[in-house]
């Protein structure tokens, strides 16, 4: 009889635990998985996507397969794969000229495609390791980090490189100051954040990283704070810098092997995309941030793009032994 009572008690405990697992959380998750968009038979690494908001197209640089995936976000399907690239790493779309810029790591060329039909319009040769792409459509310029330490400035009207910005080592993520004249650049091999003056196309300041190393993602807050947010891999930290003078305000633990980070201004949040298989969600709190959620993704899924106009975070998940390559569509909540 005692054994039967013990068994019954254990069964009740198990049922109670299951009920708790199924019960709704008091605090909803800040991101939810809405869909997975298949990329087809893509086996290699995937890098930094770009977007054409008007057509709702996502351009996915499939670095390991030397191709560019074109996704219809309305239909949530891959509509085309452009081949013949050489380790594409970054994509930028210019609305005023309806052109797509794709930076190739191997050989260092930038391919330019017409947005309407994705016809190749031309190539601009830079140097090895052409990487991140940033667009300033108002000034008719595209910026591409490349080589052992440079950012190329491309005129979007003439489709020609018009300047080079020299840096101390290869630039990883960089951001253009909104409405300003500066560029903030992660330069991990120099253990610094470089500040560039756009009027002179020269580096004017260097911020030390205070014992933090491998700063890859970087993004900027909107006004009124206008702080610089850099993500480090060694150790895995989110660091908040004052934009005016580079003063380090605080640092917080985050997920590992990060390669992209994005500010959600509507919600005062930060999304950090990490190759360990997670997206960390932070909420701004004074001079620092608090982590308010972590969503598990897939090993190696360390790049993505947050599109404010569509209010979605797109995460590129490379193929694994158990799953095909896809783009995860994540919806912020609320």
C-alpha atoms as a PDB file:
ATOM      1  CA  UNK A   1       0.000   0.000   0.000  1.00  0.00           C
ATOM      2  CA  UNK A   2       2.868   2.362   0.836  1.00  0.00           C
ATOM      3  CA  UNK A   3       4.380   1.717  -2.589  1.00  0.00           C
ATOM      4  CA  UNK A   4       1.063   2.575  -4.268  1.00  0.00           C
ATOM      5  CA  UNK A   5       0.763   5.831  -2.338  1.00  0.00           C
ATOM      6  CA  UNK A   6       4.334   6.776  -3.260  1.00  0.00           C
ATOM      7  CA  UNK A   7       3.662   6.053  -6.912  1.00  0.00           C
ATOM      8  CA  UNK A   8       0.499   8.144  -6.797  1.00  0.00           C
ATOM      9  CA  UNK A   9       2.336  11.047  -5.150  1.00  0.00           C
ATOM     10  CA  UNK A  10       5.076  10.958  -7.778  1.00  0.00           C
ATOM     11  CA  UNK A  11       2.440  10.919 -10.493  1.00  0.00           C
ATOM     12  CA  UNK A  12       0.757  13.982  -9.033  1.00  0.00           C
ATOM     13  CA  UNK A  13       4.086  15.818  -8.859  1.00  0.00           C
ATOM     14  CA  UNK A  14       4.776  14.975 -12.516  1.00  0.00           C
ATOM     15  CA  UNK A  15       1.335  16.171 -13.579  1.00  0.00           C
ATOM     16  CA  UNK A  16       1.816  19.383 -11.629  1.00  0.00           C
ATOM     17  CA  UNK A  17       5.194  20.004 -13.311  1.00  0.00           C
ATOM     18  CA  UNK A  18       3.683  19.365 -16.739  1.00  0.00           C
ATOM     19  CA  UNK A  19       0.856  21.761 -16.027  1.00  0.00           C
ATOM     20  CA  UNK A  20       3.360  24.437 -14.996  1.00  0.00           C
ATOM     21  CA  UNK A  21       5.305  23.895 -18.205  1.00  0.00           C
ATOM     22  CA  UNK A  22       2.140  24.374 -20.229  1.00  0.00           C
ATOM     23  CA  UNK A  23       0.872  27.359 -18.260  1.00  0.00           C
ATOM     24  CA  UNK A  24       1.319  30.757 -19.962  1.00  0.00           C
ATOM     25  CA  UNK A  25       4.253  32.808 -18.693  1.00  0.00           C
ATOM     26  CA  UNK A  26       3.475  35.944 -16.722  1.00  0.00           C
ATOM     27  CA  UNK A  27       5.935  37.818 -18.943  1.00  0.00           C
ATOM     28  CA  UNK A  28       5.567  37.137 -22.696  1.00  0.00           C
ATOM     29  CA  UNK A  29       8.717  36.366 -24.673  1.00  0.00           C
ATOM     30  CA  UNK A  30      10.042  39.506 -26.435  1.00  0.00           C
ATOM     31  CA  UNK A  31      10.499  37.603 -29.717  1.00  0.00           C
ATOM     32  CA  UNK A  32       8.466  34.781 -31.218  1.00  0.00           C
ATOM     33  CA  UNK A  33       9.202  32.582 -34.210  1.00  0.00           C
ATOM     34  CA  UNK A  34       6.659  33.350 -36.928  1.00  0.00           C
ATOM     35  CA  UNK A  35       7.992  31.324 -39.863  1.00  0.00           C
ATOM     36  CA  UNK A  36      11.013  29.641 -41.431  1.00  0.00           C
ATOM     37  CA  UNK A  37      11.702  30.422 -45.089  1.00  0.00           C
ATOM     38  CA  UNK A  38      13.689  27.659 -46.854  1.00  0.00           C
ATOM     39  CA  UNK A  39      16.772  28.760 -48.801  1.00  0.00           C
ATOM     40  CA  UNK A  40      17.116  25.597 -50.848  1.00  0.00           C
ATOM     41  CA  UNK A  41      20.166  23.353 -51.049  1.00  0.00           C
ATOM     42  CA  UNK A  42      22.553  25.810 -49.365  1.00  0.00           C
ATOM     43  CA  UNK A  43      25.294  24.194 -47.313  1.00  0.00           C
ATOM     44  CA  UNK A  44      27.791  26.857 -46.303  1.00  0.00           C
ATOM     45  CA  UNK A  45      28.089  29.921 -44.153  1.00  0.00           C
ATOM     46  CA  UNK A  46      25.617  32.805 -44.549  1.00  0.00           C
ATOM     47  CA  UNK A  47      26.581  36.445 -44.003  1.00  0.00           C
ATOM     48  CA  UNK A  48      24.948  39.899 -43.689  1.00  0.00           C
ATOM     49  CA  UNK A  49      21.590  40.296 -45.531  1.00  0.00           C
ATOM     50  CA  UNK A  50      20.135  43.415 -47.141  1.00  0.00           C
ATOM     51  CA  UNK A  51      16.550  44.420 -47.918  1.00  0.00           C
ATOM     52  CA  UNK A  52      14.453  46.154 -50.568  1.00  0.00           C
ATOM     53  CA  UNK A  53      11.555  47.313 -48.385  1.00  0.00           C
ATOM     54  CA  UNK A  54       9.270  48.452 -51.202  1.00  0.00           C
ATOM     55  CA  UNK A  55       9.400  45.088 -52.999  1.00  0.00           C
ATOM     56  CA  UNK A  56       9.704  43.247 -49.682  1.00  0.00           C
ATOM     57  CA  UNK A  57      12.733  41.332 -50.894  1.00  0.00           C
ATOM     58  CA  UNK A  58      15.447  40.036 -48.603  1.00  0.00           C
ATOM     59  CA  UNK A  59      18.886  39.479 -50.163  1.00  0.00           C
ATOM     60  CA  UNK A  60      20.833  36.736 -48.398  1.00  0.00           C
ATOM     61  CA  UNK A  61      24.589  36.426 -49.124  1.00  0.00           C
ATOM     62  CA  UNK A  62      25.296  32.696 -49.133  1.00  0.00           C
ATOM     63  CA  UNK A  63      29.034  33.003 -48.613  1.00  0.00           C
ATOM     64  CA  UNK A  64      29.812  29.306 -48.461  1.00  0.00           C
ATOM     65  CA  UNK A  65      27.983  28.611 -51.728  1.00  0.00           C
ATOM     66  CA  UNK A  66      29.135  31.714 -53.688  1.00  0.00           C
ATOM     67  CA  UNK A  67      25.522  32.735 -54.244  1.00  0.00           C
ATOM     68  CA  UNK A  68      22.881  35.305 -53.321  1.00  0.00           C
ATOM     69  CA  UNK A  69      19.436  34.151 -52.235  1.00  0.00           C
ATOM     70  CA  UNK A  70      16.491  36.400 -53.122  1.00  0.00           C
ATOM     71  CA  UNK A  71      13.500  36.000 -50.807  1.00  0.00           C
ATOM     72  CA  UNK A  72       9.957  37.230 -51.351  1.00  0.00           C
ATOM     73  CA  UNK A  73       8.971  38.268 -47.819  1.00  0.00           C
ATOM     74  CA  UNK A  74       5.278  38.571 -48.694  1.00  0.00           C
ATOM     75  CA  UNK A  75       5.092  35.046 -50.050  1.00  0.00           C
ATOM     76  CA  UNK A  76       7.778  33.808 -47.654  1.00  0.00           C
ATOM     77  CA  UNK A  77       9.662  31.876 -50.292  1.00  0.00           C
ATOM     78  CA  UNK A  78      12.954  31.971 -52.168  1.00  0.00           C
ATOM     79  CA  UNK A  79      12.293  33.234 -55.662  1.00  0.00           C
ATOM     80  CA  UNK A  80      15.798  33.243 -57.094  1.00  0.00           C
ATOM     81  CA  UNK A  81      19.398  32.268 -56.406  1.00  0.00           C
ATOM     82  CA  UNK A  82      22.115  34.329 -58.124  1.00  0.00           C
ATOM     83  CA  UNK A  83      25.271  32.284 -58.657  1.00  0.00           C
ATOM     84  CA  UNK A  84      28.792  33.121 -59.781  1.00  0.00           C
ATOM     85  CA  UNK A  85      29.720  35.297 -56.799  1.00  0.00           C
ATOM     86  CA  UNK A  86      32.868  34.882 -54.713  1.00  0.00           C
ATOM     87  CA  UNK A  87      32.146  34.609 -50.997  1.00  0.00           C
ATOM     88  CA  UNK A  88      29.486  37.338 -50.791  1.00  0.00           C
ATOM     89  CA  UNK A  89      29.575  38.926 -47.336  1.00  0.00           C
ATOM     90  CA  UNK A  90      27.414  42.059 -47.347  1.00  0.00           C
ATOM     91  CA  UNK A  91      24.457  43.530 -49.252  1.00  0.00           C
ATOM     92  CA  UNK A  92      23.051  47.050 -49.535  1.00  0.00           C
ATOM     93  CA  UNK A  93      20.061  48.335 -51.493  1.00  0.00           C
ATOM     94  CA  UNK A  94      19.853  51.919 -52.830  1.00  0.00           C
ATOM     95  CA  UNK A  95      16.214  52.982 -53.406  1.00  0.00           C
ATOM     96  CA  UNK A  96      16.910  56.147 -55.431  1.00  0.00           C
ATOM     97  CA  UNK A  97      18.779  54.273 -58.157  1.00  0.00           C
ATOM     98  CA  UNK A  98      17.100  50.890 -57.584  1.00  0.00           C
ATOM     99  CA  UNK A  99      20.431  49.072 -57.284  1.00  0.00           C
ATOM    100  CA  UNK A 100      21.637  46.165 -55.157  1.00  0.00           C
ATOM    101  CA  UNK A 101      25.291  46.203 -54.031  1.00  0.00           C
ATOM    102  CA  UNK A 102      26.920  42.875 -53.108  1.00  0.00           C
ATOM    103  CA  UNK A 103      30.407  42.806 -51.551  1.00  0.00           C
ATOM    104  CA  UNK A 104      32.517  39.719 -52.328  1.00  0.00           C
ATOM    105  CA  UNK A 105      35.115  38.560 -49.839  1.00  0.00           C
ATOM    106  CA  UNK A 106      37.241  36.602 -52.304  1.00  0.00           C
ATOM    107  CA  UNK A 107      38.720  38.958 -54.861  1.00  0.00           C
ATOM    108  CA  UNK A 108      37.165  41.971 -53.187  1.00  0.00           C
ATOM    109  CA  UNK A 109      34.786  43.133 -55.891  1.00  0.00           C
ATOM    110  CA  UNK A 110      31.393  44.768 -55.465  1.00  0.00           C
ATOM    111  CA  UNK A 111      28.718  43.537 -57.871  1.00  0.00           C
ATOM    112  CA  UNK A 112      25.912  45.963 -58.721  1.00  0.00           C
ATOM    113  CA  UNK A 113      22.513  44.651 -59.864  1.00  0.00           C
ATOM    114  CA  UNK A 114      19.433  46.427 -61.170  1.00  0.00           C
ATOM    115  CA  UNK A 115      16.720  45.982 -58.572  1.00  0.00           C
ATOM    116  CA  UNK A 116      13.852  45.461 -61.018  1.00  0.00           C
ATOM    117  CA  UNK A 117      15.204  42.361 -62.754  1.00  0.00           C
ATOM    118  CA  UNK A 118      18.529  41.714 -60.946  1.00  0.00           C
ATOM    119  CA  UNK A 119      20.544  42.225 -64.127  1.00  0.00           C
ATOM    120  CA  UNK A 120      24.251  42.722 -63.415  1.00  0.00           C
ATOM    121  CA  UNK A 121      25.111  46.360 -64.179  1.00  0.00           C
ATOM    122  CA  UNK A 122      28.792  46.296 -63.327  1.00  0.00           C
ATOM    123  CA  UNK A 123      31.576  45.563 -60.855  1.00  0.00           C
ATOM    124  CA  UNK A 124      33.859  47.736 -58.755  1.00  0.00           C
ATOM    125  CA  UNK A 125      37.143  46.153 -57.737  1.00  0.00           C
ATOM    126  CA  UNK A 126      38.328  47.072 -54.263  1.00  0.00           C
ATOM    127  CA  UNK A 127      40.590  44.496 -52.610  1.00  0.00           C
ATOM    128  CA  UNK A 128      40.337  41.230 -50.716  1.00  0.00           C
ATOM    129  CA  UNK A 129      37.730  40.705 -48.007  1.00  0.00           C
ATOM    130  CA  UNK A 130      35.059  43.176 -49.125  1.00  0.00           C
ATOM    131  CA  UNK A 131      32.624  42.866 -46.267  1.00  0.00           C
ATOM    132  CA  UNK A 132      29.987  45.072 -44.613  1.00  0.00           C
ATOM    133  CA  UNK A 133      27.939  47.458 -46.792  1.00  0.00           C
ATOM    134  CA  UNK A 134      26.214  50.660 -45.610  1.00  0.00           C
ATOM    135  CA  UNK A 135      23.991  52.989 -47.640  1.00  0.00           C
ATOM    136  CA  UNK A 136      23.443  56.754 -47.334  1.00  0.00           C
ATOM    137  CA  UNK A 137      20.917  57.382 -50.078  1.00  0.00           C
ATOM    138  CA  UNK A 138      20.571  61.083 -49.229  1.00  0.00           C
ATOM    139  CA  UNK A 139      24.226  61.718 -50.091  1.00  0.00           C
ATOM    140  CA  UNK A 140      24.222  59.183 -52.965  1.00  0.00           C
ATOM    141  CA  UNK A 141      26.965  57.120 -51.349  1.00  0.00           C
ATOM    142  CA  UNK A 142      27.595  53.481 -50.479  1.00  0.00           C
ATOM    143  CA  UNK A 143      30.337  52.483 -48.019  1.00  0.00           C
ATOM    144  CA  UNK A 144      32.090  49.089 -48.129  1.00  0.00           C
ATOM    145  CA  UNK A 145      34.651  47.841 -45.620  1.00  0.00           C
ATOM    146  CA  UNK A 146      37.461  45.792 -47.126  1.00  0.00           C
ATOM    147  CA  UNK A 147      41.106  44.729 -47.139  1.00  0.00           C
ATOM    148  CA  UNK A 148      43.609  45.109 -44.335  1.00  0.00           C
ATOM    149  CA  UNK A 149      42.145  48.433 -43.296  1.00  0.00           C
ATOM    150  CA  UNK A 150      39.884  50.517 -45.534  1.00  0.00           C
ATOM    151  CA  UNK A 151      36.341  51.661 -46.231  1.00  0.00           C
ATOM    152  CA  UNK A 152      35.574  52.464 -49.870  1.00  0.00           C
ATOM    153  CA  UNK A 153      33.193  55.309 -50.691  1.00  0.00           C
ATOM    154  CA  UNK A 154      31.155  54.642 -53.839  1.00  0.00           C
ATOM    155  CA  UNK A 155      29.120  57.240 -55.713  1.00  0.00           C
ATOM    156  CA  UNK A 156      25.731  55.708 -56.519  1.00  0.00           C
ATOM    157  CA  UNK A 157      25.148  57.960 -59.549  1.00  0.00           C
ATOM    158  CA  UNK A 158      28.403  57.293 -61.423  1.00  0.00           C
ATOM    159  CA  UNK A 159      28.830  53.773 -59.927  1.00  0.00           C
ATOM    160  CA  UNK A 160      32.473  54.568 -59.188  1.00  0.00           C
ATOM    161  CA  UNK A 161      34.661  54.554 -56.113  1.00  0.00           C
ATOM    162  CA  UNK A 162      35.383  58.161 -55.168  1.00  0.00           C
ATOM    163  CA  UNK A 163      37.427  57.778 -51.970  1.00  0.00           C
ATOM    164  CA  UNK A 164      39.133  55.415 -49.551  1.00  0.00           C
ATOM    165  CA  UNK A 165      39.114  55.783 -45.774  1.00  0.00           C
ATOM    166  CA  UNK A 166      42.277  54.302 -44.253  1.00  0.00           C
ATOM    167  CA  UNK A 167      42.044  52.347 -40.991  1.00  0.00           C
ATOM    168  CA  UNK A 168      44.558  50.460 -38.824  1.00  0.00           C
ATOM    169  CA  UNK A 169      43.132  47.002 -39.625  1.00  0.00           C
ATOM    170  CA  UNK A 170      40.210  45.313 -41.360  1.00  0.00           C
ATOM    171  CA  UNK A 171      36.867  46.925 -40.459  1.00  0.00           C
ATOM    172  CA  UNK A 172      34.061  44.749 -39.213  1.00  0.00           C
ATOM    173  CA  UNK A 173      30.640  46.283 -38.549  1.00  0.00           C
ATOM    174  CA  UNK A 174      30.388  50.056 -38.912  1.00  0.00           C
ATOM    175  CA  UNK A 175      27.538  52.548 -38.750  1.00  0.00           C
ATOM    176  CA  UNK A 176      26.874  55.991 -40.203  1.00  0.00           C
ATOM    177  CA  UNK A 177      25.870  58.621 -37.696  1.00  0.00           C
ATOM    178  CA  UNK A 178      22.231  59.548 -38.296  1.00  0.00           C
ATOM    179  CA  UNK A 179      22.067  63.071 -39.638  1.00  0.00           C
ATOM    180  CA  UNK A 180      25.712  63.611 -38.740  1.00  0.00           C
ATOM    181  CA  UNK A 181      29.176  63.492 -40.211  1.00  0.00           C
ATOM    182  CA  UNK A 182      30.790  60.579 -38.398  1.00  0.00           C
ATOM    183  CA  UNK A 183      31.239  56.860 -38.978  1.00  0.00           C
ATOM    184  CA  UNK A 184      31.808  54.516 -36.031  1.00  0.00           C
ATOM    185  CA  UNK A 185      33.851  51.444 -36.970  1.00  0.00           C
ATOM    186  CA  UNK A 186      34.698  48.230 -35.136  1.00  0.00           C
ATOM    187  CA  UNK A 187      38.356  47.379 -35.799  1.00  0.00           C
ATOM    188  CA  UNK A 188      38.918  44.177 -33.793  1.00  0.00           C
ATOM    189  CA  UNK A 189      42.507  43.487 -34.839  1.00  0.00           C
ATOM    190  CA  UNK A 190      43.475  46.919 -33.519  1.00  0.00           C
ATOM    191  CA  UNK A 191      41.374  46.543 -30.333  1.00  0.00           C
ATOM    192  CA  UNK A 192      39.603  49.809 -31.041  1.00  0.00           C
ATOM    193  CA  UNK A 193      36.506  51.572 -32.250  1.00  0.00           C
ATOM    194  CA  UNK A 194      37.547  54.047 -34.933  1.00  0.00           C
ATOM    195  CA  UNK A 195      35.726  57.335 -35.480  1.00  0.00           C
ATOM    196  CA  UNK A 196      35.809  58.680 -39.034  1.00  0.00           C
ATOM    197  CA  UNK A 197      35.012  62.199 -40.224  1.00  0.00           C
ATOM    198  CA  UNK A 198      33.007  61.955 -43.428  1.00  0.00           C
ATOM    199  CA  UNK A 199      33.911  65.445 -44.611  1.00  0.00           C
ATOM    200  CA  UNK A 200      37.607  64.578 -44.814  1.00  0.00           C
ATOM    201  CA  UNK A 201      37.253  60.764 -45.124  1.00  0.00           C
ATOM    202  CA  UNK A 202      39.837  60.354 -42.366  1.00  0.00           C
ATOM    203  CA  UNK A 203      39.950  58.622 -39.010  1.00  0.00           C
ATOM    204  CA  UNK A 204      39.895  61.320 -36.320  1.00  0.00           C
ATOM    205  CA  UNK A 205      39.658  59.312 -33.115  1.00  0.00           C
ATOM    206  CA  UNK A 206      40.409  55.890 -31.618  1.00  0.00           C
ATOM    207  CA  UNK A 207      38.513  54.467 -28.657  1.00  0.00           C
ATOM    208  CA  UNK A 208      40.259  51.737 -26.646  1.00  0.00           C
ATOM    209  CA  UNK A 209      38.124  48.726 -25.764  1.00  0.00           C
ATOM    210  CA  UNK A 210      39.352  48.349 -22.161  1.00  0.00           C
ATOM    211  CA  UNK A 211      40.278  44.665 -22.149  1.00  0.00           C
ATOM    212  CA  UNK A 212      37.410  43.579 -24.377  1.00  0.00           C
ATOM    213  CA  UNK A 213      38.395  41.873 -27.633  1.00  0.00           C
ATOM    214  CA  UNK A 214      36.920  40.741 -30.965  1.00  0.00           C
ATOM    215  CA  UNK A 215      34.362  43.521 -31.431  1.00  0.00           C
ATOM    216  CA  UNK A 216      32.335  42.498 -34.475  1.00  0.00           C
ATOM    217  CA  UNK A 217      28.718  43.817 -34.371  1.00  0.00           C
ATOM    218  CA  UNK A 218      28.151  47.526 -33.810  1.00  0.00           C
ATOM    219  CA  UNK A 219      25.027  49.655 -33.865  1.00  0.00           C
ATOM    220  CA  UNK A 220      23.836  53.099 -32.769  1.00  0.00           C
ATOM    221  CA  UNK A 221      21.002  54.269 -30.585  1.00  0.00           C
ATOM    222  CA  UNK A 222      18.594  56.893 -31.833  1.00  0.00           C
ATOM    223  CA  UNK A 223      18.429  60.331 -30.223  1.00  0.00           C
ATOM    224  CA  UNK A 224      18.275  61.589 -27.548  1.00  0.00           C
ATOM    225  CA  UNK A 225      20.877  59.142 -26.144  1.00  0.00           C
ATOM    226  CA  UNK A 226      22.886  58.464 -29.322  1.00  0.00           C
ATOM    227  CA  UNK A 227      25.199  55.933 -27.742  1.00  0.00           C
ATOM    228  CA  UNK A 228      27.413  53.422 -29.545  1.00  0.00           C
ATOM    229  CA  UNK A 229      26.688  49.761 -28.823  1.00  0.00           C
ATOM    230  CA  UNK A 230      29.499  47.306 -29.587  1.00  0.00           C
ATOM    231  CA  UNK A 231      29.339  43.538 -29.118  1.00  0.00           C
ATOM    232  CA  UNK A 232      32.496  41.612 -28.218  1.00  0.00           C
ATOM    233  CA  UNK A 233      33.258  37.903 -28.510  1.00  0.00           C
ATOM    234  CA  UNK A 234      36.153  37.702 -26.016  1.00  0.00           C
ATOM    235  CA  UNK A 235      34.565  37.804 -23.537  1.00  0.00           C
ATOM    236  CA  UNK A 236      30.996  37.813 -24.832  1.00  0.00           C
ATOM    237  CA  UNK A 237      29.864  41.291 -23.811  1.00  0.00           C
ATOM    238  CA  UNK A 238      27.576  44.119 -24.862  1.00  0.00           C
ATOM    239  CA  UNK A 239      29.431  47.409 -24.257  1.00  0.00           C
ATOM    240  CA  UNK A 240      27.810  50.847 -24.215  1.00  0.00           C
ATOM    241  CA  UNK A 241      29.977  53.819 -25.232  1.00  0.00           C
ATOM    242  CA  UNK A 242      29.240  57.534 -25.063  1.00  0.00           C
ATOM    243  CA  UNK A 243      29.156  58.757 -28.679  1.00  0.00           C
ATOM    244  CA  UNK A 244      30.640  62.163 -27.872  1.00  0.00           C
ATOM    245  CA  UNK A 245      33.899  61.022 -26.287  1.00  0.00           C
ATOM    246  CA  UNK A 246      34.046  57.202 -26.415  1.00  0.00           C
ATOM    247  CA  UNK A 247      33.690  56.785 -22.660  1.00  0.00           C
ATOM    248  CA  UNK A 248      32.720  53.227 -21.713  1.00  0.00           C
ATOM    249  CA  UNK A 249      29.525  53.488 -19.664  1.00  0.00           C
ATOM    250  CA  UNK A 250      28.875  49.816 -18.917  1.00  0.00           C
ATOM    251  CA  UNK A 251      29.194  46.250 -20.198  1.00  0.00           C
ATOM    252  CA  UNK A 252      26.874  43.273 -19.847  1.00  0.00           C
ATOM    253  CA  UNK A 253      27.167  39.552 -20.589  1.00  0.00           C
ATOM    254  CA  UNK A 254      25.609  38.352 -23.827  1.00  0.00           C
ATOM    255  CA  UNK A 255      25.532  35.266 -26.043  1.00  0.00           C
ATOM    256  CA  UNK A 256      28.668  34.031 -27.803  1.00  0.00           C
ATOM    257  CA  UNK A 257      29.944  34.295 -31.382  1.00  0.00           C
ATOM    258  CA  UNK A 258      27.843  37.346 -32.239  1.00  0.00           C
ATOM    259  CA  UNK A 259      27.994  38.877 -35.723  1.00  0.00           C
ATOM    260  CA  UNK A 260      24.995  41.221 -35.973  1.00  0.00           C
ATOM    261  CA  UNK A 261      23.129  43.545 -33.595  1.00  0.00           C
ATOM    262  CA  UNK A 262      20.174  45.870 -34.149  1.00  0.00           C
ATOM    263  CA  UNK A 263      18.325  48.575 -32.246  1.00  0.00           C
ATOM    264  CA  UNK A 264      14.536  48.411 -32.131  1.00  0.00           C
ATOM    265  CA  UNK A 265      13.776  52.094 -31.499  1.00  0.00           C
ATOM    266  CA  UNK A 266      10.042  51.528 -31.185  1.00  0.00           C
ATOM    267  CA  UNK A 267      10.553  49.375 -28.095  1.00  0.00           C
ATOM    268  CA  UNK A 268      13.932  50.680 -26.836  1.00  0.00           C
ATOM    269  CA  UNK A 269      15.379  47.207 -27.340  1.00  0.00           C
ATOM    270  CA  UNK A 270      18.551  45.693 -28.709  1.00  0.00           C
ATOM    271  CA  UNK A 271      18.712  42.353 -30.546  1.00  0.00           C
ATOM    272  CA  UNK A 272      22.058  40.491 -30.552  1.00  0.00           C
ATOM    273  CA  UNK A 273      22.332  37.600 -33.041  1.00  0.00           C
ATOM    274  CA  UNK A 274      24.803  34.913 -31.963  1.00  0.00           C
ATOM    275  CA  UNK A 275      26.365  31.874 -33.586  1.00  0.00           C
ATOM    276  CA  UNK A 276      26.061  29.837 -30.410  1.00  0.00           C
ATOM    277  CA  UNK A 277      22.422  29.510 -31.473  1.00  0.00           C
ATOM    278  CA  UNK A 278      20.590  32.329 -29.739  1.00  0.00           C
ATOM    279  CA  UNK A 279      19.248  35.860 -30.040  1.00  0.00           C
ATOM    280  CA  UNK A 280      19.609  37.944 -26.883  1.00  0.00           C
ATOM    281  CA  UNK A 281      17.072  40.712 -26.268  1.00  0.00           C
ATOM    282  CA  UNK A 282      18.035  43.711 -24.129  1.00  0.00           C
ATOM    283  CA  UNK A 283      15.975  46.652 -22.879  1.00  0.00           C
ATOM    284  CA  UNK A 284      17.544  50.082 -22.332  1.00  0.00           C
ATOM    285  CA  UNK A 285      17.773  51.064 -18.652  1.00  0.00           C
ATOM    286  CA  UNK A 286      19.551  54.371 -17.996  1.00  0.00           C
ATOM    287  CA  UNK A 287      23.240  54.053 -18.861  1.00  0.00           C
ATOM    288  CA  UNK A 288      23.005  50.322 -19.357  1.00  0.00           C
ATOM    289  CA  UNK A 289      20.791  47.520 -20.678  1.00  0.00           C
ATOM    290  CA  UNK A 290      19.006  44.614 -19.015  1.00  0.00           C
ATOM    291  CA  UNK A 291      18.628  41.292 -20.765  1.00  0.00           C
ATOM    292  CA  UNK A 292      14.906  40.567 -20.971  1.00  0.00           C
ATOM    293  CA  UNK A 293      14.905  37.421 -23.065  1.00  0.00           C
ATOM    294  CA  UNK A 294      16.830  34.838 -25.050  1.00  0.00           C
ATOM    295  CA  UNK A 295      15.414  32.963 -28.027  1.00  0.00           C
ATOM    296  CA  UNK A 296      17.123  29.751 -29.125  1.00  0.00           C
ATOM    297  CA  UNK A 297      17.829  29.542 -32.851  1.00  0.00           C
ATOM    298  CA  UNK A 298      20.325  27.232 -34.560  1.00  0.00           C
ATOM    299  CA  UNK A 299      24.094  26.653 -34.227  1.00  0.00           C
ATOM    300  CA  UNK A 300      25.971  29.005 -36.544  1.00  0.00           C
ATOM    301  CA  UNK A 301      23.012  31.368 -37.048  1.00  0.00           C
ATOM    302  CA  UNK A 302      24.958  34.519 -36.242  1.00  0.00           C
ATOM    303  CA  UNK A 303      23.790  36.994 -38.893  1.00  0.00           C
ATOM    304  CA  UNK A 304      20.491  38.644 -39.672  1.00  0.00           C
ATOM    305  CA  UNK A 305      18.654  41.899 -40.278  1.00  0.00           C
ATOM    306  CA  UNK A 306      16.053  43.859 -38.339  1.00  0.00           C
ATOM    307  CA  UNK A 307      13.712  45.753 -40.679  1.00  0.00           C
ATOM    308  CA  UNK A 308      11.813  48.458 -38.760  1.00  0.00           C
ATOM    309  CA  UNK A 309       9.436  49.141 -41.661  1.00  0.00           C
ATOM    310  CA  UNK A 310       8.267  45.520 -41.528  1.00  0.00           C
ATOM    311  CA  UNK A 311       8.755  45.175 -37.749  1.00  0.00           C
ATOM    312  CA  UNK A 312      10.533  41.854 -38.103  1.00  0.00           C
ATOM    313  CA  UNK A 313      13.939  40.400 -37.280  1.00  0.00           C
ATOM    314  CA  UNK A 314      15.247  38.003 -39.938  1.00  0.00           C
ATOM    315  CA  UNK A 315      17.921  35.516 -38.815  1.00  0.00           C
ATOM    316  CA  UNK A 316      19.955  33.500 -41.324  1.00  0.00           C
ATOM    317  CA  UNK A 317      20.267  29.870 -40.213  1.00  0.00           C
ATOM    318  CA  UNK A 318      22.841  27.830 -42.090  1.00  0.00           C
ATOM    319  CA  UNK A 319      22.238  24.159 -42.829  1.00  0.00           C
ATOM    320  CA  UNK A 320      22.988  21.688 -40.036  1.00  0.00           C
ATOM    321  CA  UNK A 321      22.962  17.897 -39.858  1.00  0.00           C
ATOM    322  CA  UNK A 322      19.300  18.002 -38.891  1.00  0.00           C
ATOM    323  CA  UNK A 323      17.905  21.017 -40.745  1.00  0.00           C
ATOM    324  CA  UNK A 324      18.144  22.751 -44.125  1.00  0.00           C
ATOM    325  CA  UNK A 325      19.257  26.365 -44.471  1.00  0.00           C
ATOM    326  CA  UNK A 326      16.503  28.883 -43.846  1.00  0.00           C
ATOM    327  CA  UNK A 327      15.665  32.404 -42.771  1.00  0.00           C
ATOM    328  CA  UNK A 328      13.853  32.600 -39.448  1.00  0.00           C
ATOM    329  CA  UNK A 329      11.183  35.304 -39.245  1.00  0.00           C
ATOM    330  CA  UNK A 330      11.022  36.623 -35.669  1.00  0.00           C
ATOM    331  CA  UNK A 331       8.211  38.928 -34.539  1.00  0.00           C
ATOM    332  CA  UNK A 332       8.757  41.309 -31.603  1.00  0.00           C
ATOM    333  CA  UNK A 333       6.232  41.141 -28.767  1.00  0.00           C
ATOM    334  CA  UNK A 334       4.289  43.205 -27.927  1.00  0.00           C
END
